[in-house]
């Protein structure tokens, strides 16, 4: 018999190599992926089905939360722009727009930027999250300052309601949170002068109290006669939405605050 030529032998080797290359796990009919295993073919790490499902559920809840934020902000703007029959925009309407948008949109989203399951920021690096967090906090603080002083101008700087008292307290702690945030951001560069751990804990604690007082002030505002008379049952729904948003916003930061405190001890 004639022996196969050299070219035929090379072709057989190539064909065998190609077949074997597409079967990375010979003799295995089905692959069962273990939790956090290593995929030799792709070189990637992957999670178990349970972890992937839980992550999807968390992201869905986060998406529903963003929808709640959008609904509340839309209702705040609609109420402020349509509450006066003549269409006039007074300091009160501007107060509602600026303060409501500052707390409910910018400051809430500033906190959610650092959330591990946040739908639009989870893929960002830690430094990028801190930059976005700081920018949103700056814009939110400016809105809150403008909104609070517009409200104080409406009542001639006289604070006599629970809504006004909570609003002023929220403004003070919002400014303090912004200042401590700047110190915490640059504390790593001046570690010999300022320890980053205590400053970060202070920033988180003050920020949580500020957003809590701000959203509580909004809920009280929806319950006041001026808003409840015009919006009717919608004011009750908005109060529920604001409280649900507050609870969701506080869960992750409280966990991080406890973890940071333990690590600093």
C-alpha atoms as a PDB file:
ATOM      1  CA  UNK A   1       0.000   0.000   0.000  1.00  0.00           C
ATOM      2  CA  UNK A   2       1.096   3.522  -0.743  1.00  0.00           C
ATOM      3  CA  UNK A   3       1.907   5.641   2.225  1.00  0.00           C
ATOM      4  CA  UNK A   4       0.023   8.945   2.518  1.00  0.00           C
ATOM      5  CA  UNK A   5       1.948  11.897   1.316  1.00  0.00           C
ATOM      6  CA  UNK A   6       3.334  14.545   3.625  1.00  0.00           C
ATOM      7  CA  UNK A   7       0.660  17.037   2.600  1.00  0.00           C
ATOM      8  CA  UNK A   8      -2.122  14.542   3.418  1.00  0.00           C
ATOM      9  CA  UNK A   9      -0.625  13.894   6.866  1.00  0.00           C
ATOM     10  CA  UNK A  10      -0.497  17.649   7.547  1.00  0.00           C
ATOM     11  CA  UNK A  11      -4.157  18.038   6.561  1.00  0.00           C
ATOM     12  CA  UNK A  12      -5.193  15.226   8.924  1.00  0.00           C
ATOM     13  CA  UNK A  13      -3.270  16.870  11.782  1.00  0.00           C
ATOM     14  CA  UNK A  14      -4.938  20.218  11.117  1.00  0.00           C
ATOM     15  CA  UNK A  15      -8.387  18.647  10.995  1.00  0.00           C
ATOM     16  CA  UNK A  16      -7.797  16.754  14.253  1.00  0.00           C
ATOM     17  CA  UNK A  17      -6.521  19.930  15.892  1.00  0.00           C
ATOM     18  CA  UNK A  18      -9.554  21.912  14.790  1.00  0.00           C
ATOM     19  CA  UNK A  19     -11.943  19.276  16.150  1.00  0.00           C
ATOM     20  CA  UNK A  20     -10.164  19.076  19.478  1.00  0.00           C
ATOM     21  CA  UNK A  21      -9.980  22.866  19.790  1.00  0.00           C
ATOM     22  CA  UNK A  22     -13.770  23.138  19.743  1.00  0.00           C
ATOM     23  CA  UNK A  23     -14.167  20.501  22.474  1.00  0.00           C
ATOM     24  CA  UNK A  24     -12.455  22.048  25.540  1.00  0.00           C
ATOM     25  CA  UNK A  25     -13.878  19.440  27.927  1.00  0.00           C
ATOM     26  CA  UNK A  26     -13.502  16.032  26.207  1.00  0.00           C
ATOM     27  CA  UNK A  27     -15.738  13.267  27.461  1.00  0.00           C
ATOM     28  CA  UNK A  28     -18.188  15.664  29.138  1.00  0.00           C
ATOM     29  CA  UNK A  29     -21.666  15.758  27.642  1.00  0.00           C
ATOM     30  CA  UNK A  30     -23.046  18.555  29.843  1.00  0.00           C
ATOM     31  CA  UNK A  31     -21.350  21.239  31.893  1.00  0.00           C
ATOM     32  CA  UNK A  32     -22.670  22.229  35.301  1.00  0.00           C
ATOM     33  CA  UNK A  33     -21.265  25.606  36.264  1.00  0.00           C
ATOM     34  CA  UNK A  34     -20.329  25.898  39.894  1.00  0.00           C
ATOM     35  CA  UNK A  35     -20.661  29.176  41.791  1.00  0.00           C
ATOM     36  CA  UNK A  36     -17.908  31.643  40.977  1.00  0.00           C
ATOM     37  CA  UNK A  37     -16.045  29.188  38.759  1.00  0.00           C
ATOM     38  CA  UNK A  38     -13.436  29.774  36.106  1.00  0.00           C
ATOM     39  CA  UNK A  39     -14.280  29.264  32.454  1.00  0.00           C
ATOM     40  CA  UNK A  40     -11.129  27.886  30.814  1.00  0.00           C
ATOM     41  CA  UNK A  41     -12.427  28.512  27.307  1.00  0.00           C
ATOM     42  CA  UNK A  42     -13.325  32.200  27.710  1.00  0.00           C
ATOM     43  CA  UNK A  43     -11.007  32.995  30.598  1.00  0.00           C
ATOM     44  CA  UNK A  44     -13.837  34.681  32.543  1.00  0.00           C
ATOM     45  CA  UNK A  45     -15.320  34.226  35.968  1.00  0.00           C
ATOM     46  CA  UNK A  46     -19.046  33.565  36.224  1.00  0.00           C
ATOM     47  CA  UNK A  47     -21.570  33.348  39.057  1.00  0.00           C
ATOM     48  CA  UNK A  48     -24.121  30.717  39.857  1.00  0.00           C
ATOM     49  CA  UNK A  49     -27.673  30.926  38.572  1.00  0.00           C
ATOM     50  CA  UNK A  50     -28.933  31.943  42.023  1.00  0.00           C
ATOM     51  CA  UNK A  51     -26.536  34.872  42.259  1.00  0.00           C
ATOM     52  CA  UNK A  52     -27.404  36.026  38.740  1.00  0.00           C
ATOM     53  CA  UNK A  53     -31.114  35.799  39.502  1.00  0.00           C
ATOM     54  CA  UNK A  54     -30.707  37.744  42.754  1.00  0.00           C
ATOM     55  CA  UNK A  55     -28.714  40.439  40.962  1.00  0.00           C
ATOM     56  CA  UNK A  56     -31.452  40.752  38.333  1.00  0.00           C
ATOM     57  CA  UNK A  57     -34.125  41.078  41.022  1.00  0.00           C
ATOM     58  CA  UNK A  58     -32.126  43.799  42.788  1.00  0.00           C
ATOM     59  CA  UNK A  59     -31.688  45.693  39.527  1.00  0.00           C
ATOM     60  CA  UNK A  60     -35.422  45.396  38.807  1.00  0.00           C
ATOM     61  CA  UNK A  61     -36.258  46.825  42.233  1.00  0.00           C
ATOM     62  CA  UNK A  62     -33.768  49.619  41.577  1.00  0.00           C
ATOM     63  CA  UNK A  63     -35.434  50.363  38.230  1.00  0.00           C
ATOM     64  CA  UNK A  64     -38.865  50.548  39.891  1.00  0.00           C
ATOM     65  CA  UNK A  65     -37.381  52.909  42.452  1.00  0.00           C
ATOM     66  CA  UNK A  66     -36.129  55.238  39.708  1.00  0.00           C
ATOM     67  CA  UNK A  67     -39.637  55.190  38.235  1.00  0.00           C
ATOM     68  CA  UNK A  68     -41.012  56.290  41.620  1.00  0.00           C
ATOM     69  CA  UNK A  69     -38.497  59.136  41.746  1.00  0.00           C
ATOM     70  CA  UNK A  70     -39.539  60.255  38.253  1.00  0.00           C
ATOM     71  CA  UNK A  71     -43.243  60.153  39.169  1.00  0.00           C
ATOM     72  CA  UNK A  72     -42.739  62.244  42.314  1.00  0.00           C
ATOM     73  CA  UNK A  73     -40.605  64.838  40.502  1.00  0.00           C
ATOM     74  CA  UNK A  74     -43.147  65.088  37.676  1.00  0.00           C
ATOM     75  CA  UNK A  75     -46.013  65.575  40.148  1.00  0.00           C
ATOM     76  CA  UNK A  76     -44.028  68.229  42.037  1.00  0.00           C
ATOM     77  CA  UNK A  77     -43.401  70.215  38.848  1.00  0.00           C
ATOM     78  CA  UNK A  78     -46.979  69.774  37.606  1.00  0.00           C
ATOM     79  CA  UNK A  79     -48.419  70.916  40.920  1.00  0.00           C
ATOM     80  CA  UNK A  80     -46.102  73.937  41.134  1.00  0.00           C
ATOM     81  CA  UNK A  81     -46.846  75.066  37.576  1.00  0.00           C
ATOM     82  CA  UNK A  82     -50.628  74.541  37.696  1.00  0.00           C
ATOM     83  CA  UNK A  83     -51.603  75.305  41.309  1.00  0.00           C
ATOM     84  CA  UNK A  84     -52.224  79.008  40.582  1.00  0.00           C
ATOM     85  CA  UNK A  85     -55.208  79.423  38.212  1.00  0.00           C
ATOM     86  CA  UNK A  86     -53.688  82.493  36.586  1.00  0.00           C
ATOM     87  CA  UNK A  87     -50.488  80.598  35.821  1.00  0.00           C
ATOM     88  CA  UNK A  88     -48.340  82.983  37.873  1.00  0.00           C
ATOM     89  CA  UNK A  89     -45.111  81.662  39.367  1.00  0.00           C
ATOM     90  CA  UNK A  90     -44.471  82.997  42.858  1.00  0.00           C
ATOM     91  CA  UNK A  91     -41.742  82.298  45.395  1.00  0.00           C
ATOM     92  CA  UNK A  92     -43.835  79.427  46.770  1.00  0.00           C
ATOM     93  CA  UNK A  93     -44.016  77.654  43.422  1.00  0.00           C
ATOM     94  CA  UNK A  94     -40.299  78.196  42.854  1.00  0.00           C
ATOM     95  CA  UNK A  95     -39.630  76.867  46.355  1.00  0.00           C
ATOM     96  CA  UNK A  96     -41.538  73.690  45.526  1.00  0.00           C
ATOM     97  CA  UNK A  97     -39.693  73.193  42.238  1.00  0.00           C
ATOM     98  CA  UNK A  98     -36.168  73.883  43.486  1.00  0.00           C
ATOM     99  CA  UNK A  99     -36.360  72.158  46.873  1.00  0.00           C
ATOM    100  CA  UNK A 100     -38.352  69.203  45.547  1.00  0.00           C
ATOM    101  CA  UNK A 101     -36.013  68.645  42.617  1.00  0.00           C
ATOM    102  CA  UNK A 102     -32.920  69.112  44.772  1.00  0.00           C
ATOM    103  CA  UNK A 103     -33.887  66.517  47.358  1.00  0.00           C
ATOM    104  CA  UNK A 104     -35.973  64.090  45.340  1.00  0.00           C
ATOM    105  CA  UNK A 105     -33.885  63.980  42.181  1.00  0.00           C
ATOM    106  CA  UNK A 106     -30.288  65.140  42.606  1.00  0.00           C
ATOM    107  CA  UNK A 107     -29.552  64.176  46.222  1.00  0.00           C
ATOM    108  CA  UNK A 108     -31.418  60.863  46.020  1.00  0.00           C
ATOM    109  CA  UNK A 109     -29.595  59.981  42.805  1.00  0.00           C
ATOM    110  CA  UNK A 110     -26.305  61.100  44.355  1.00  0.00           C
ATOM    111  CA  UNK A 111     -26.727  58.450  47.040  1.00  0.00           C
ATOM    112  CA  UNK A 112     -27.894  55.817  44.556  1.00  0.00           C
ATOM    113  CA  UNK A 113     -24.783  56.407  42.436  1.00  0.00           C
ATOM    114  CA  UNK A 114     -22.813  54.441  45.052  1.00  0.00           C
ATOM    115  CA  UNK A 115     -25.415  51.649  45.219  1.00  0.00           C
ATOM    116  CA  UNK A 116     -23.965  48.348  44.049  1.00  0.00           C
ATOM    117  CA  UNK A 117     -27.094  47.479  42.034  1.00  0.00           C
ATOM    118  CA  UNK A 118     -27.837  50.941  40.635  1.00  0.00           C
ATOM    119  CA  UNK A 119     -29.000  50.500  37.040  1.00  0.00           C
ATOM    120  CA  UNK A 120     -26.943  53.299  35.464  1.00  0.00           C
ATOM    121  CA  UNK A 121     -23.791  53.405  37.600  1.00  0.00           C
ATOM    122  CA  UNK A 122     -22.975  49.835  38.686  1.00  0.00           C
ATOM    123  CA  UNK A 123     -20.492  49.435  35.812  1.00  0.00           C
ATOM    124  CA  UNK A 124     -18.532  52.568  36.755  1.00  0.00           C
ATOM    125  CA  UNK A 125     -15.274  52.432  38.672  1.00  0.00           C
ATOM    126  CA  UNK A 126     -15.130  53.597  42.297  1.00  0.00           C
ATOM    127  CA  UNK A 127     -13.420  56.843  41.353  1.00  0.00           C
ATOM    128  CA  UNK A 128     -15.980  57.537  38.624  1.00  0.00           C
ATOM    129  CA  UNK A 129     -18.818  56.872  41.071  1.00  0.00           C
ATOM    130  CA  UNK A 130     -17.307  59.336  43.549  1.00  0.00           C
ATOM    131  CA  UNK A 131     -16.998  62.011  40.867  1.00  0.00           C
ATOM    132  CA  UNK A 132     -20.609  61.591  39.735  1.00  0.00           C
ATOM    133  CA  UNK A 133     -21.742  61.437  43.368  1.00  0.00           C
ATOM    134  CA  UNK A 134     -19.971  64.701  44.140  1.00  0.00           C
ATOM    135  CA  UNK A 135     -21.344  66.483  41.049  1.00  0.00           C
ATOM    136  CA  UNK A 136     -24.915  65.432  41.818  1.00  0.00           C
ATOM    137  CA  UNK A 137     -24.501  66.456  45.454  1.00  0.00           C
ATOM    138  CA  UNK A 138     -23.203  69.867  44.404  1.00  0.00           C
ATOM    139  CA  UNK A 139     -26.133  70.471  42.031  1.00  0.00           C
ATOM    140  CA  UNK A 140     -28.609  69.175  44.601  1.00  0.00           C
ATOM    141  CA  UNK A 141     -27.164  71.409  47.323  1.00  0.00           C
ATOM    142  CA  UNK A 142     -27.501  74.486  45.080  1.00  0.00           C
ATOM    143  CA  UNK A 143     -31.118  73.602  44.311  1.00  0.00           C
ATOM    144  CA  UNK A 144     -31.866  73.043  47.995  1.00  0.00           C
ATOM    145  CA  UNK A 145     -30.270  76.355  49.008  1.00  0.00           C
ATOM    146  CA  UNK A 146     -32.266  78.251  46.376  1.00  0.00           C
ATOM    147  CA  UNK A 147     -35.496  76.439  47.223  1.00  0.00           C
ATOM    148  CA  UNK A 148     -35.163  76.897  50.968  1.00  0.00           C
ATOM    149  CA  UNK A 149     -34.457  80.622  50.793  1.00  0.00           C
ATOM    150  CA  UNK A 150     -37.306  81.126  48.320  1.00  0.00           C
ATOM    151  CA  UNK A 151     -39.602  79.464  50.845  1.00  0.00           C
ATOM    152  CA  UNK A 152     -38.235  81.568  53.693  1.00  0.00           C
ATOM    153  CA  UNK A 153     -38.744  84.712  51.617  1.00  0.00           C
ATOM    154  CA  UNK A 154     -42.381  83.718  51.108  1.00  0.00           C
ATOM    155  CA  UNK A 155     -43.003  83.623  54.881  1.00  0.00           C
ATOM    156  CA  UNK A 156     -40.721  86.597  55.705  1.00  0.00           C
ATOM    157  CA  UNK A 157     -38.105  84.342  57.325  1.00  0.00           C
ATOM    158  CA  UNK A 158     -40.592  83.160  59.967  1.00  0.00           C
ATOM    159  CA  UNK A 159     -40.522  79.412  60.630  1.00  0.00           C
ATOM    160  CA  UNK A 160     -43.600  78.160  62.439  1.00  0.00           C
ATOM    161  CA  UNK A 161     -44.507  74.842  60.794  1.00  0.00           C
ATOM    162  CA  UNK A 162     -43.054  71.352  60.999  1.00  0.00           C
ATOM    163  CA  UNK A 163     -42.423  71.501  57.256  1.00  0.00           C
ATOM    164  CA  UNK A 164     -40.335  74.655  57.622  1.00  0.00           C
ATOM    165  CA  UNK A 165     -38.396  73.426  60.641  1.00  0.00           C
ATOM    166  CA  UNK A 166     -37.517  70.117  58.959  1.00  0.00           C
ATOM    167  CA  UNK A 167     -36.561  71.987  55.796  1.00  0.00           C
ATOM    168  CA  UNK A 168     -34.123  74.318  57.561  1.00  0.00           C
ATOM    169  CA  UNK A 169     -32.563  71.412  59.466  1.00  0.00           C
ATOM    170  CA  UNK A 170     -32.231  69.474  56.213  1.00  0.00           C
ATOM    171  CA  UNK A 171     -30.537  72.467  54.556  1.00  0.00           C
ATOM    172  CA  UNK A 172     -27.997  72.810  57.374  1.00  0.00           C
ATOM    173  CA  UNK A 173     -27.066  69.127  57.288  1.00  0.00           C
ATOM    174  CA  UNK A 174     -26.997  69.094  53.478  1.00  0.00           C
ATOM    175  CA  UNK A 175     -24.348  71.827  53.513  1.00  0.00           C
ATOM    176  CA  UNK A 176     -22.430  70.024  56.264  1.00  0.00           C
ATOM    177  CA  UNK A 177     -22.597  66.797  54.271  1.00  0.00           C
ATOM    178  CA  UNK A 178     -21.215  68.542  51.194  1.00  0.00           C
ATOM    179  CA  UNK A 179     -18.310  70.022  53.174  1.00  0.00           C
ATOM    180  CA  UNK A 180     -17.436  66.695  54.829  1.00  0.00           C
ATOM    181  CA  UNK A 181     -17.711  65.030  51.422  1.00  0.00           C
ATOM    182  CA  UNK A 182     -15.047  67.331  50.006  1.00  0.00           C
ATOM    183  CA  UNK A 183     -12.795  66.619  52.989  1.00  0.00           C
ATOM    184  CA  UNK A 184     -13.352  62.869  52.639  1.00  0.00           C
ATOM    185  CA  UNK A 185     -12.604  63.022  48.915  1.00  0.00           C
ATOM    186  CA  UNK A 186      -9.183  64.619  49.429  1.00  0.00           C
ATOM    187  CA  UNK A 187      -8.372  63.025  52.786  1.00  0.00           C
ATOM    188  CA  UNK A 188      -6.397  60.249  51.085  1.00  0.00           C
ATOM    189  CA  UNK A 189      -3.951  62.872  49.757  1.00  0.00           C
ATOM    190  CA  UNK A 190      -3.511  64.554  53.130  1.00  0.00           C
ATOM    191  CA  UNK A 191      -3.561  61.441  55.258  1.00  0.00           C
ATOM    192  CA  UNK A 192      -0.956  62.863  57.630  1.00  0.00           C
ATOM    193  CA  UNK A 193      -3.328  65.702  58.559  1.00  0.00           C
ATOM    194  CA  UNK A 194      -6.782  64.128  58.306  1.00  0.00           C
ATOM    195  CA  UNK A 195      -7.716  60.478  58.792  1.00  0.00           C
ATOM    196  CA  UNK A 196     -10.062  59.329  56.034  1.00  0.00           C
ATOM    197  CA  UNK A 197     -12.004  56.797  58.130  1.00  0.00           C
ATOM    198  CA  UNK A 198     -13.635  59.139  60.687  1.00  0.00           C
ATOM    199  CA  UNK A 199     -14.305  61.798  58.033  1.00  0.00           C
ATOM    200  CA  UNK A 200     -15.998  59.246  55.777  1.00  0.00           C
ATOM    201  CA  UNK A 201     -18.129  58.010  58.677  1.00  0.00           C
ATOM    202  CA  UNK A 202     -19.110  61.589  59.535  1.00  0.00           C
ATOM    203  CA  UNK A 203     -19.957  62.347  55.902  1.00  0.00           C
ATOM    204  CA  UNK A 204     -22.145  59.260  55.575  1.00  0.00           C
ATOM    205  CA  UNK A 205     -23.952  59.856  58.861  1.00  0.00           C
ATOM    206  CA  UNK A 206     -24.607  63.537  58.167  1.00  0.00           C
ATOM    207  CA  UNK A 207     -25.695  62.775  54.599  1.00  0.00           C
ATOM    208  CA  UNK A 208     -28.185  60.135  55.724  1.00  0.00           C
ATOM    209  CA  UNK A 209     -29.693  62.516  58.257  1.00  0.00           C
ATOM    210  CA  UNK A 210     -29.873  65.315  55.673  1.00  0.00           C
ATOM    211  CA  UNK A 211     -31.704  63.252  53.042  1.00  0.00           C
ATOM    212  CA  UNK A 212     -34.007  61.838  55.727  1.00  0.00           C
ATOM    213  CA  UNK A 213     -35.018  65.297  56.946  1.00  0.00           C
ATOM    214  CA  UNK A 214     -35.369  66.544  53.378  1.00  0.00           C
ATOM    215  CA  UNK A 215     -37.738  63.769  52.291  1.00  0.00           C
ATOM    216  CA  UNK A 216     -39.663  63.949  55.572  1.00  0.00           C
ATOM    217  CA  UNK A 217     -40.079  67.673  54.959  1.00  0.00           C
ATOM    218  CA  UNK A 218     -41.445  66.878  51.479  1.00  0.00           C
ATOM    219  CA  UNK A 219     -43.897  64.343  52.908  1.00  0.00           C
ATOM    220  CA  UNK A 220     -45.112  66.896  55.454  1.00  0.00           C
ATOM    221  CA  UNK A 221     -45.490  69.432  52.646  1.00  0.00           C
ATOM    222  CA  UNK A 222     -47.721  67.061  50.661  1.00  0.00           C
ATOM    223  CA  UNK A 223     -49.887  66.691  53.766  1.00  0.00           C
ATOM    224  CA  UNK A 224     -50.363  70.449  54.267  1.00  0.00           C
ATOM    225  CA  UNK A 225     -53.757  71.947  53.458  1.00  0.00           C
ATOM    226  CA  UNK A 226     -52.455  73.893  50.460  1.00  0.00           C
ATOM    227  CA  UNK A 227     -51.266  70.751  48.671  1.00  0.00           C
ATOM    228  CA  UNK A 228     -53.822  68.257  49.987  1.00  0.00           C
ATOM    229  CA  UNK A 229     -56.773  70.435  48.929  1.00  0.00           C
ATOM    230  CA  UNK A 230     -55.574  70.748  45.332  1.00  0.00           C
ATOM    231  CA  UNK A 231     -54.136  67.259  44.788  1.00  0.00           C
ATOM    232  CA  UNK A 232     -56.640  65.300  46.849  1.00  0.00           C
ATOM    233  CA  UNK A 233     -55.820  61.590  47.148  1.00  0.00           C
ATOM    234  CA  UNK A 234     -52.727  62.089  45.012  1.00  0.00           C
ATOM    235  CA  UNK A 235     -51.035  63.788  47.959  1.00  0.00           C
ATOM    236  CA  UNK A 236     -51.442  60.601  50.019  1.00  0.00           C
ATOM    237  CA  UNK A 237     -49.978  58.515  47.209  1.00  0.00           C
ATOM    238  CA  UNK A 238     -47.006  60.870  46.928  1.00  0.00           C
ATOM    239  CA  UNK A 239     -46.388  60.648  50.681  1.00  0.00           C
ATOM    240  CA  UNK A 240     -46.285  56.854  50.395  1.00  0.00           C
ATOM    241  CA  UNK A 241     -43.927  57.055  47.416  1.00  0.00           C
ATOM    242  CA  UNK A 242     -41.580  59.448  49.205  1.00  0.00           C
ATOM    243  CA  UNK A 243     -41.437  57.208  52.281  1.00  0.00           C
ATOM    244  CA  UNK A 244     -40.760  54.134  50.131  1.00  0.00           C
ATOM    245  CA  UNK A 245     -37.973  55.995  48.359  1.00  0.00           C
ATOM    246  CA  UNK A 246     -36.490  57.063  51.685  1.00  0.00           C
ATOM    247  CA  UNK A 247     -36.462  53.504  53.044  1.00  0.00           C
ATOM    248  CA  UNK A 248     -34.831  52.143  49.886  1.00  0.00           C
ATOM    249  CA  UNK A 249     -32.224  54.920  49.796  1.00  0.00           C
ATOM    250  CA  UNK A 250     -31.192  54.312  53.420  1.00  0.00           C
ATOM    251  CA  UNK A 251     -30.662  50.527  53.254  1.00  0.00           C
ATOM    252  CA  UNK A 252     -27.336  50.393  51.399  1.00  0.00           C
ATOM    253  CA  UNK A 253     -25.725  53.469  53.073  1.00  0.00           C
ATOM    254  CA  UNK A 254     -26.616  52.211  56.546  1.00  0.00           C
ATOM    255  CA  UNK A 255     -24.990  48.866  55.733  1.00  0.00           C
ATOM    256  CA  UNK A 256     -21.903  50.662  54.398  1.00  0.00           C
ATOM    257  CA  UNK A 257     -21.821  52.954  57.436  1.00  0.00           C
ATOM    258  CA  UNK A 258     -21.852  50.000  59.835  1.00  0.00           C
ATOM    259  CA  UNK A 259     -19.155  48.198  57.827  1.00  0.00           C
ATOM    260  CA  UNK A 260     -16.950  51.304  57.654  1.00  0.00           C
ATOM    261  CA  UNK A 261     -17.350  51.906  61.389  1.00  0.00           C
ATOM    262  CA  UNK A 262     -16.348  48.329  62.200  1.00  0.00           C
ATOM    263  CA  UNK A 263     -13.305  48.492  59.953  1.00  0.00           C
ATOM    264  CA  UNK A 264     -12.186  51.781  61.520  1.00  0.00           C
ATOM    265  CA  UNK A 265     -12.353  50.440  65.074  1.00  0.00           C
END
